[in-house]
């Protein structure tokens, strides 16, 4: 079974401020999933089967019913857009 693809773009922007010959400060902005595309998780891949309780006794062949209702169903997403800021002092 195949899951949905990933369409993810990240972006980082930074600016350096020089205070002296040896010291500078860097301001960073990092954006993860910058276009905010939905990133779906893989669908459920396990199936559970039990004997069908509504089948007549002694029926052949034995009938089974699926008891796991998440097989093939996408039940969640990955993280949405995340923005992070940072300062770095180099000396």
PDB file of N, CA and C in Angstrom:
ATOM      1  N   UNK A   1       0.845  -1.166   0.000  1.00  0.00           N
ATOM      2  CA  UNK A   1       0.000   0.000   0.000  1.00  0.00           C
ATOM      3  C   UNK A   1       0.895   1.235   0.000  1.00  0.00           C
ATOM      4  N   UNK A   2       0.550   2.191  -0.813  1.00  0.00           N
ATOM      5  CA  UNK A   2       1.309   3.440  -0.881  1.00  0.00           C
ATOM      6  C   UNK A   2       0.615   4.539  -0.098  1.00  0.00           C
ATOM      7  N   UNK A   3       1.432   5.365   0.491  1.00  0.00           N
ATOM      8  CA  UNK A   3       0.902   6.511   1.211  1.00  0.00           C
ATOM      9  C   UNK A   3       0.998   7.763   0.354  1.00  0.00           C
ATOM     10  N   UNK A   4       0.474   8.881   0.843  1.00  0.00           N
ATOM     11  CA  UNK A   4       0.543  10.132   0.092  1.00  0.00           C
ATOM     12  C   UNK A   4       1.972  10.660   0.063  1.00  0.00           C
ATOM     13  N   UNK A   5       2.285  11.436  -0.948  1.00  0.00           N
ATOM     14  CA  UNK A   5       3.618  12.021  -1.070  1.00  0.00           C
ATOM     15  C   UNK A   5       3.819  13.166  -0.086  1.00  0.00           C
ATOM     16  N   UNK A   6       5.053  13.621  -0.022  1.00  0.00           N
ATOM     17  CA  UNK A   6       5.395  14.744   0.855  1.00  0.00           C
ATOM     18  C   UNK A   6       5.756  15.930  -0.015  1.00  0.00           C
ATOM     19  N   UNK A   7       5.144  17.053   0.239  1.00  0.00           N
ATOM     20  CA  UNK A   7       5.377  18.287  -0.495  1.00  0.00           C
ATOM     21  C   UNK A   7       5.785  19.336   0.531  1.00  0.00           C
ATOM     22  N   UNK A   8       7.081  19.399   0.836  1.00  0.00           N
ATOM     23  CA  UNK A   8       7.559  20.197   1.956  1.00  0.00           C
ATOM     24  C   UNK A   8       8.679  21.127   1.492  1.00  0.00           C
ATOM     25  N   UNK A   9       8.545  22.423   1.779  1.00  0.00           N
ATOM     26  CA  UNK A   9       9.572  23.399   1.452  1.00  0.00           C
ATOM     27  C   UNK A   9       9.938  24.166   2.718  1.00  0.00           C
ATOM     28  N   UNK A  10      11.243  24.266   2.997  1.00  0.00           N
ATOM     29  CA  UNK A  10      11.749  24.999   4.157  1.00  0.00           C
ATOM     30  C   UNK A  10      12.504  26.225   3.667  1.00  0.00           C
ATOM     31  N   UNK A  11      12.561  27.255   4.517  1.00  0.00           N
ATOM     32  CA  UNK A  11      13.217  28.500   4.153  1.00  0.00           C
ATOM     33  C   UNK A  11      13.925  29.055   5.383  1.00  0.00           C
ATOM     34  N   UNK A  12      15.134  29.566   5.191  1.00  0.00           N
ATOM     35  CA  UNK A  12      15.877  30.216   6.273  1.00  0.00           C
ATOM     36  C   UNK A  12      16.393  31.565   5.761  1.00  0.00           C
ATOM     37  N   UNK A  13      16.205  32.605   6.568  1.00  0.00           N
ATOM     38  CA  UNK A  13      16.680  33.944   6.243  1.00  0.00           C
ATOM     39  C   UNK A  13      17.460  34.442   7.452  1.00  0.00           C
ATOM     40  N   UNK A  14      18.651  35.016   7.196  1.00  0.00           N
ATOM     41  CA  UNK A  14      19.416  35.529   8.328  1.00  0.00           C
ATOM     42  C   UNK A  14      20.111  36.826   7.939  1.00  0.00           C
ATOM     43  N   UNK A  15      20.440  37.610   8.967  1.00  0.00           N
ATOM     44  CA  UNK A  15      21.116  38.892   8.799  1.00  0.00           C
ATOM     45  C   UNK A  15      22.205  38.983   9.848  1.00  0.00           C
ATOM     46  N   UNK A  16      23.412  39.326   9.423  1.00  0.00           N
ATOM     47  CA  UNK A  16      24.543  39.490  10.336  1.00  0.00           C
ATOM     48  C   UNK A  16      24.747  40.973  10.646  1.00  0.00           C
ATOM     49  N   UNK A  17      24.932  41.294  11.917  1.00  0.00           N
ATOM     50  CA  UNK A  17      25.238  42.650  12.374  1.00  0.00           C
ATOM     51  C   UNK A  17      26.626  42.617  12.989  1.00  0.00           C
ATOM     52  N   UNK A  18      27.572  43.328  12.411  1.00  0.00           N
ATOM     53  CA  UNK A  18      28.953  43.342  12.896  1.00  0.00           C
ATOM     54  C   UNK A  18      29.137  44.510  13.857  1.00  0.00           C
ATOM     55  N   UNK A  19      29.589  44.216  15.091  1.00  0.00           N
ATOM     56  CA  UNK A  19      29.819  45.247  16.109  1.00  0.00           C
ATOM     57  C   UNK A  19      31.274  45.685  16.144  1.00  0.00           C
ATOM     58  N   UNK A  20      32.156  44.764  15.937  1.00  0.00           N
ATOM     59  CA  UNK A  20      33.592  45.070  15.890  1.00  0.00           C
ATOM     60  C   UNK A  20      34.242  44.037  14.981  1.00  0.00           C
ATOM     61  N   UNK A  21      35.563  44.075  14.940  1.00  0.00           N
ATOM     62  CA  UNK A  21      36.272  43.116  14.079  1.00  0.00           C
ATOM     63  C   UNK A  21      36.075  41.681  14.555  1.00  0.00           C
ATOM     64  N   UNK A  22      35.861  41.483  15.861  1.00  0.00           N
ATOM     65  CA  UNK A  22      35.755  40.128  16.415  1.00  0.00           C
ATOM     66  C   UNK A  22      34.340  39.732  16.833  1.00  0.00           C
ATOM     67  N   UNK A  23      33.422  40.659  16.927  1.00  0.00           N
ATOM     68  CA  UNK A  23      32.095  40.326  17.452  1.00  0.00           C
ATOM     69  C   UNK A  23      31.007  40.662  16.427  1.00  0.00           C
ATOM     70  N   UNK A  24      30.111  39.714  16.234  1.00  0.00           N
ATOM     71  CA  UNK A  24      28.940  39.980  15.408  1.00  0.00           C
ATOM     72  C   UNK A  24      27.736  39.213  15.951  1.00  0.00           C
ATOM     73  N   UNK A  25      26.579  39.685  15.590  1.00  0.00           N
ATOM     74  CA  UNK A  25      25.325  39.091  16.038  1.00  0.00           C
ATOM     75  C   UNK A  25      24.554  38.655  14.796  1.00  0.00           C
ATOM     76  N   UNK A  26      24.030  37.449  14.835  1.00  0.00           N
ATOM     77  CA  UNK A  26      23.253  36.939  13.710  1.00  0.00           C
ATOM     78  C   UNK A  26      21.804  36.749  14.147  1.00  0.00           C
ATOM     79  N   UNK A  27      20.882  37.335  13.381  1.00  0.00           N
ATOM     80  CA  UNK A  27      19.447  37.142  13.599  1.00  0.00           C
ATOM     81  C   UNK A  27      18.955  36.193  12.518  1.00  0.00           C
ATOM     82  N   UNK A  28      18.271  35.104  12.921  1.00  0.00           N
ATOM     83  CA  UNK A  28      17.798  34.074  11.983  1.00  0.00           C
ATOM     84  C   UNK A  28      16.289  33.920  12.083  1.00  0.00           C
ATOM     85  N   UNK A  29      15.673  33.661  10.940  1.00  0.00           N
ATOM     86  CA  UNK A  29      14.278  33.258  10.875  1.00  0.00           C
ATOM     87  C   UNK A  29      14.231  31.996  10.027  1.00  0.00           C
ATOM     88  N   UNK A  30      13.670  30.931  10.579  1.00  0.00           N
ATOM     89  CA  UNK A  30      13.564  29.658   9.864  1.00  0.00           C
ATOM     90  C   UNK A  30      12.094  29.278   9.764  1.00  0.00           C
ATOM     91  N   UNK A  31      11.649  28.954   8.584  1.00  0.00           N
ATOM     92  CA  UNK A  31      10.269  28.550   8.339  1.00  0.00           C
ATOM     93  C   UNK A  31      10.282  27.117   7.810  1.00  0.00           C
ATOM     94  N   UNK A  32       9.572  26.230   8.488  1.00  0.00           N
ATOM     95  CA  UNK A  32       9.463  24.846   8.076  1.00  0.00           C
ATOM     96  C   UNK A  32       8.068  24.638   7.506  1.00  0.00           C
ATOM     97  N   UNK A  33       7.971  23.995   6.346  1.00  0.00           N
ATOM     98  CA  UNK A  33       6.726  23.842   5.586  1.00  0.00           C
ATOM     99  C   UNK A  33       6.160  25.229   5.283  1.00  0.00           C
ATOM    100  N   UNK A  34       6.986  26.062   4.668  1.00  0.00           N
ATOM    101  CA  UNK A  34       6.674  27.469   4.458  1.00  0.00           C
ATOM    102  C   UNK A  34       5.395  27.676   3.647  1.00  0.00           C
ATOM    103  N   UNK A  35       5.058  26.793   2.714  1.00  0.00           N
ATOM    104  CA  UNK A  35       3.837  26.946   1.924  1.00  0.00           C
ATOM    105  C   UNK A  35       2.614  26.368   2.625  1.00  0.00           C
ATOM    106  N   UNK A  36       2.808  25.754   3.770  1.00  0.00           N
ATOM    107  CA  UNK A  36       1.742  25.211   4.612  1.00  0.00           C
ATOM    108  C   UNK A  36       0.859  24.196   3.876  1.00  0.00           C
ATOM    109  N   UNK A  37       1.490  23.337   3.068  1.00  0.00           N
ATOM    110  CA  UNK A  37       0.752  22.261   2.403  1.00  0.00           C
ATOM    111  C   UNK A  37       0.419  21.185   3.423  1.00  0.00           C
ATOM    112  N   UNK A  38      -0.755  20.579   3.329  1.00  0.00           N
ATOM    113  CA  UNK A  38      -1.075  19.486   4.262  1.00  0.00           C
ATOM    114  C   UNK A  38      -0.184  18.280   3.987  1.00  0.00           C
ATOM    115  N   UNK A  39       0.363  17.699   5.036  1.00  0.00           N
ATOM    116  CA  UNK A  39       1.249  16.538   4.946  1.00  0.00           C
ATOM    117  C   UNK A  39       0.557  15.386   5.651  1.00  0.00           C
ATOM    118  N   UNK A  40      -0.108  14.532   4.894  1.00  0.00           N
ATOM    119  CA  UNK A  40      -0.882  13.445   5.487  1.00  0.00           C
ATOM    120  C   UNK A  40       0.007  12.278   5.884  1.00  0.00           C
ATOM    121  N   UNK A  41      -0.348  11.615   6.976  1.00  0.00           N
ATOM    122  CA  UNK A  41       0.368  10.421   7.419  1.00  0.00           C
ATOM    123  C   UNK A  41      -0.022   9.243   6.532  1.00  0.00           C
ATOM    124  N   UNK A  42       0.722   8.156   6.643  1.00  0.00           N
ATOM    125  CA  UNK A  42       0.410   6.954   5.873  1.00  0.00           C
ATOM    126  C   UNK A  42      -0.878   6.322   6.386  1.00  0.00           C
ATOM    127  N   UNK A  43      -1.606   5.642   5.512  1.00  0.00           N
ATOM    128  CA  UNK A  43      -2.845   4.983   5.955  1.00  0.00           C
ATOM    129  C   UNK A  43      -2.542   3.770   6.820  1.00  0.00           C
ATOM    130  N   UNK A  44      -3.538   3.348   7.595  1.00  0.00           N
ATOM    131  CA  UNK A  44      -3.398   2.157   8.421  1.00  0.00           C
ATOM    132  C   UNK A  44      -3.152   0.926   7.558  1.00  0.00           C
ATOM    133  N   UNK A  45      -2.239   0.046   7.971  1.00  0.00           N
ATOM    134  CA  UNK A  45      -1.867  -1.101   7.143  1.00  0.00           C
ATOM    135  C   UNK A  45      -2.119  -2.439   7.823  1.00  0.00           C
ATOM    136  N   UNK A  46      -2.711  -2.461   8.983  1.00  0.00           N
ATOM    137  CA  UNK A  46      -2.975  -3.745   9.630  1.00  0.00           C
ATOM    138  C   UNK A  46      -4.479  -4.012   9.621  1.00  0.00           C
ATOM    139  N   UNK A  47      -4.816  -5.271   9.389  1.00  0.00           N
ATOM    140  CA  UNK A  47      -6.222  -5.672   9.368  1.00  0.00           C
ATOM    141  C   UNK A  47      -6.399  -6.842  10.330  1.00  0.00           C
ATOM    142  N   UNK A  48      -7.502  -6.832  11.059  1.00  0.00           N
ATOM    143  CA  UNK A  48      -7.823  -7.893  12.007  1.00  0.00           C
ATOM    144  C   UNK A  48      -9.145  -8.521  11.585  1.00  0.00           C
ATOM    145  N   UNK A  49      -9.166  -9.848  11.530  1.00  0.00           N
ATOM    146  CA  UNK A  49     -10.376 -10.563  11.134  1.00  0.00           C
ATOM    147  C   UNK A  49     -10.782 -11.524  12.241  1.00  0.00           C
ATOM    148  N   UNK A  50     -12.068 -11.611  12.516  1.00  0.00           N
ATOM    149  CA  UNK A  50     -12.625 -12.558  13.485  1.00  0.00           C
ATOM    150  C   UNK A  50     -13.721 -13.365  12.799  1.00  0.00           C
ATOM    151  N   UNK A  51     -14.050 -14.492  13.385  1.00  0.00           N
ATOM    152  CA  UNK A  51     -15.114 -15.328  12.845  1.00  0.00           C
ATOM    153  C   UNK A  51     -16.427 -14.562  12.897  1.00  0.00           C
ATOM    154  N   UNK A  52     -17.190 -14.648  11.819  1.00  0.00           N
ATOM    155  CA  UNK A  52     -18.462 -13.934  11.720  1.00  0.00           C
ATOM    156  C   UNK A  52     -19.476 -14.538  12.697  1.00  0.00           C
ATOM    157  N   UNK A  53     -19.936 -13.767  13.707  1.00  0.00           N
ATOM    158  CA  UNK A  53     -20.875 -14.315  14.678  1.00  0.00           C
ATOM    159  C   UNK A  53     -22.280 -14.540  14.105  1.00  0.00           C
ATOM    160  N   UNK A  54     -22.586 -13.926  12.956  1.00  0.00           N
ATOM    161  CA  UNK A  54     -23.918 -14.097  12.365  1.00  0.00           C
ATOM    162  C   UNK A  54     -23.982 -15.279  11.412  1.00  0.00           C
ATOM    163  N   UNK A  55     -22.842 -15.941  11.169  1.00  0.00           N
ATOM    164  CA  UNK A  55     -22.824 -17.092  10.260  1.00  0.00           C
ATOM    165  C   UNK A  55     -23.524 -18.278  10.921  1.00  0.00           C
ATOM    166  N   UNK A  56     -24.233 -19.113  10.153  1.00  0.00           N
ATOM    167  CA  UNK A  56     -24.873 -20.296  10.724  1.00  0.00           C
ATOM    168  C   UNK A  56     -23.821 -21.250  11.296  1.00  0.00           C
ATOM    169  N   UNK A  57     -24.167 -21.933  12.348  1.00  0.00           N
ATOM    170  CA  UNK A  57     -23.234 -22.849  13.007  1.00  0.00           C
ATOM    171  C   UNK A  57     -22.824 -23.952  12.045  1.00  0.00           C
ATOM    172  N   UNK A  58     -21.518 -24.244  12.000  1.00  0.00           N
ATOM    173  CA  UNK A  58     -21.002 -25.316  11.160  1.00  0.00           C
ATOM    174  C   UNK A  58     -20.993 -24.993   9.685  1.00  0.00           C
ATOM    175  N   UNK A  59     -21.134 -23.727   9.315  1.00  0.00           N
ATOM    176  CA  UNK A  59     -21.124 -23.375   7.892  1.00  0.00           C
ATOM    177  C   UNK A  59     -19.724 -23.553   7.321  1.00  0.00           C
ATOM    178  N   UNK A  60     -19.680 -23.943   6.061  1.00  0.00           N
ATOM    179  CA  UNK A  60     -18.403 -24.124   5.391  1.00  0.00           C
ATOM    180  C   UNK A  60     -18.448 -23.362   4.081  1.00  0.00           C
ATOM    181  N   UNK A  61     -17.498 -22.596   3.702  1.00  0.00           N
ATOM    182  CA  UNK A  61     -16.291 -22.262   4.463  1.00  0.00           C
ATOM    183  C   UNK A  61     -16.616 -21.262   5.575  1.00  0.00           C
ATOM    184  N   UNK A  62     -15.740 -21.200   6.563  1.00  0.00           N
ATOM    185  CA  UNK A  62     -15.940 -20.304   7.694  1.00  0.00           C
ATOM    186  C   UNK A  62     -15.892 -18.863   7.205  1.00  0.00           C
ATOM    187  N   UNK A  63     -16.852 -18.056   7.637  1.00  0.00           N
ATOM    188  CA  UNK A  63     -16.890 -16.652   7.233  1.00  0.00           C
ATOM    189  C   UNK A  63     -16.193 -15.799   8.289  1.00  0.00           C
ATOM    190  N   UNK A  64     -15.476 -14.788   7.808  1.00  0.00           N
ATOM    191  CA  UNK A  64     -14.759 -13.873   8.696  1.00  0.00           C
ATOM    192  C   UNK A  64     -15.217 -12.450   8.414  1.00  0.00           C
ATOM    193  N   UNK A  65     -15.133 -11.604   9.420  1.00  0.00           N
ATOM    194  CA  UNK A  65     -15.434 -10.182   9.263  1.00  0.00           C
ATOM    195  C   UNK A  65     -14.237  -9.377   9.753  1.00  0.00           C
ATOM    196  N   UNK A  66     -14.021  -8.239   9.093  1.00  0.00           N
ATOM    197  CA  UNK A  66     -12.911  -7.368   9.493  1.00  0.00           C
ATOM    198  C   UNK A  66     -13.349  -6.549  10.696  1.00  0.00           C
ATOM    199  N   UNK A  67     -12.531  -6.565  11.757  1.00  0.00           N
ATOM    200  CA  UNK A  67     -12.882  -5.823  12.974  1.00  0.00           C
ATOM    201  C   UNK A  67     -12.072  -4.545  13.131  1.00  0.00           C
ATOM    202  N   UNK A  68     -11.014  -4.386  12.336  1.00  0.00           N
ATOM    203  CA  UNK A  68     -10.199  -3.176  12.396  1.00  0.00           C
ATOM    204  C   UNK A  68     -10.740  -2.212  11.342  1.00  0.00           C
ATOM    205  N   UNK A  69     -11.271  -1.080  11.741  1.00  0.00           N
ATOM    206  CA  UNK A  69     -11.906  -0.159  10.799  1.00  0.00           C
ATOM    207  C   UNK A  69     -10.963   0.917  10.286  1.00  0.00           C
ATOM    208  N   UNK A  70      -9.659   0.881  10.620  1.00  0.00           N
ATOM    209  CA  UNK A  70      -8.732   1.909  10.148  1.00  0.00           C
ATOM    210  C   UNK A  70      -7.840   1.421   9.021  1.00  0.00           C
ATOM    211  N   UNK A  71      -8.061   0.236   8.490  1.00  0.00           N
ATOM    212  CA  UNK A  71      -7.243  -0.259   7.380  1.00  0.00           C
ATOM    213  C   UNK A  71      -7.481   0.616   6.148  1.00  0.00           C
ATOM    214  N   UNK A  72      -6.394   1.187   5.614  1.00  0.00           N
ATOM    215  CA  UNK A  72      -6.491   2.027   4.428  1.00  0.00           C
ATOM    216  C   UNK A  72      -7.000   3.432   4.681  1.00  0.00           C
ATOM    217  N   UNK A  73      -7.172   3.818   5.942  1.00  0.00           N
ATOM    218  CA  UNK A  73      -7.707   5.139   6.283  1.00  0.00           C
ATOM    219  C   UNK A  73      -6.577   6.020   6.818  1.00  0.00           C
ATOM    220  N   UNK A  74      -6.494   7.235   6.329  1.00  0.00           N
ATOM    221  CA  UNK A  74      -5.524   8.213   6.835  1.00  0.00           C
ATOM    222  C   UNK A  74      -6.138   8.884   8.049  1.00  0.00           C
ATOM    223  N   UNK A  75      -5.447   8.798   9.184  1.00  0.00           N
ATOM    224  CA  UNK A  75      -6.034   9.286  10.434  1.00  0.00           C
ATOM    225  C   UNK A  75      -5.330  10.506  11.019  1.00  0.00           C
ATOM    226  N   UNK A  76      -4.355  11.074  10.312  1.00  0.00           N
ATOM    227  CA  UNK A  76      -3.677  12.236  10.885  1.00  0.00           C
ATOM    228  C   UNK A  76      -2.805  12.959   9.877  1.00  0.00           C
ATOM    229  N   UNK A  77      -2.207  14.065  10.331  1.00  0.00           N
ATOM    230  CA  UNK A  77      -1.320  14.862   9.491  1.00  0.00           C
ATOM    231  C   UNK A  77      -0.025  15.148  10.235  1.00  0.00           C
ATOM    232  N   UNK A  78       0.980  15.533   9.471  1.00  0.00           N
ATOM    233  CA  UNK A  78       2.235  15.976  10.074  1.00  0.00           C
ATOM    234  C   UNK A  78       2.074  17.427  10.534  1.00  0.00           C
ATOM    235  N   UNK A  79       3.147  17.982  11.075  1.00  0.00           N
ATOM    236  CA  UNK A  79       3.091  19.339  11.622  1.00  0.00           C
ATOM    237  C   UNK A  79       2.780  20.379  10.548  1.00  0.00           C
ATOM    238  N   UNK A  80       2.004  21.411  10.888  1.00  0.00           N
ATOM    239  CA  UNK A  80       1.759  22.497   9.939  1.00  0.00           C
ATOM    240  C   UNK A  80       2.980  23.428   9.880  1.00  0.00           C
ATOM    241  N   UNK A  81       2.819  24.595   9.294  1.00  0.00           N
ATOM    242  CA  UNK A  81       3.925  25.549   9.198  1.00  0.00           C
ATOM    243  C   UNK A  81       4.452  25.876  10.590  1.00  0.00           C
ATOM    244  N   UNK A  82       5.777  25.896  10.706  1.00  0.00           N
ATOM    245  CA  UNK A  82       6.434  26.239  11.958  1.00  0.00           C
ATOM    246  C   UNK A  82       7.438  27.350  11.671  1.00  0.00           C
ATOM    247  N   UNK A  83       7.443  28.394  12.512  1.00  0.00           N
ATOM    248  CA  UNK A  83       8.371  29.505  12.366  1.00  0.00           C
ATOM    249  C   UNK A  83       9.224  29.580  13.629  1.00  0.00           C
ATOM    250  N   UNK A  84      10.526  29.751  13.418  1.00  0.00           N
ATOM    251  CA  UNK A  84      11.449  29.794  14.553  1.00  0.00           C
ATOM    252  C   UNK A  84      12.402  30.969  14.350  1.00  0.00           C
ATOM    253  N   UNK A  85      12.625  31.712  15.429  1.00  0.00           N
ATOM    254  CA  UNK A  85      13.544  32.848  15.408  1.00  0.00           C
ATOM    255  C   UNK A  85      14.740  32.519  16.287  1.00  0.00           C
ATOM    256  N   UNK A  86      15.891  33.092  15.953  1.00  0.00           N
ATOM    257  CA  UNK A  86      17.068  32.836  16.776  1.00  0.00           C
ATOM    258  C   UNK A  86      18.074  33.972  16.688  1.00  0.00           C
ATOM    259  N   UNK A  87      18.847  34.104  17.769  1.00  0.00           N
ATOM    260  CA  UNK A  87      19.968  35.050  17.826  1.00  0.00           C
ATOM    261  C   UNK A  87      21.222  34.263  18.141  1.00  0.00           C
ATOM    262  N   UNK A  88      22.310  34.588  17.431  1.00  0.00           N
ATOM    263  CA  UNK A  88      23.577  33.921  17.681  1.00  0.00           C
ATOM    264  C   UNK A  88      24.667  34.987  17.792  1.00  0.00           C
ATOM    265  N   UNK A  89      25.364  34.976  18.913  1.00  0.00           N
ATOM    266  CA  UNK A  89      26.446  35.919  19.142  1.00  0.00           C
ATOM    267  C   UNK A  89      27.778  35.223  18.906  1.00  0.00           C
ATOM    268  N   UNK A  90      28.548  35.732  17.950  1.00  0.00           N
ATOM    269  CA  UNK A  90      29.887  35.205  17.657  1.00  0.00           C
ATOM    270  C   UNK A  90      30.925  36.213  18.130  1.00  0.00           C
ATOM    271  N   UNK A  91      31.900  35.710  18.894  1.00  0.00           N
ATOM    272  CA  UNK A  91      32.989  36.612  19.335  1.00  0.00           C
ATOM    273  C   UNK A  91      34.301  35.876  19.345  1.00  0.00           C
TER     274      UNK A  91
END
